Amino acid sequence: MNFNTISFKRRNILGELYKHCDTLTSIPIYINDVSEEPVGTVEESLEHCADAFLFHLPENICKRLSTNGFDINFDYDFTSVTKVSRNDRIKLNYIILADKQESLPIPRRKLNKKVENFGKSN
């Protein structure tokens, strides 16, 4: 299977946990849940794209991820066993790409004639 690589800033993936995440070497990526085989891996790049995650995925999944076609979830553990504080560090275990929940489009409302003719002189 051919794998493509796509990179995202760590902050875009982790959000508020960005400051707390330890560096990682390589973790698996799953689609929807962890019951099946991983579809790819993610690793941290400290070379050309500093402070970025490199996703190694099949081409079709890469394209869908690049067009915001997945919600990104992840599993992590705290690396320290102290009480939860703002300075605790986390270690990522895996990432799950979940199918994005499609929302129904909001129907365009019909304008009534009073609003359409507002400001027009007869």
Foldseek 3Di string as FASTA:
>chain_A
DAWDKDKDALCVQPPPLSVQEDADAKAFEAEADDPDDGQWIWHADCPPPRRMIITIGPPVVVVCVVVVQWDKDWDWDFPDPDPDDPRTHIYTHYIYTYGDDDDDDDDDDDDDPCVVCPPPDD
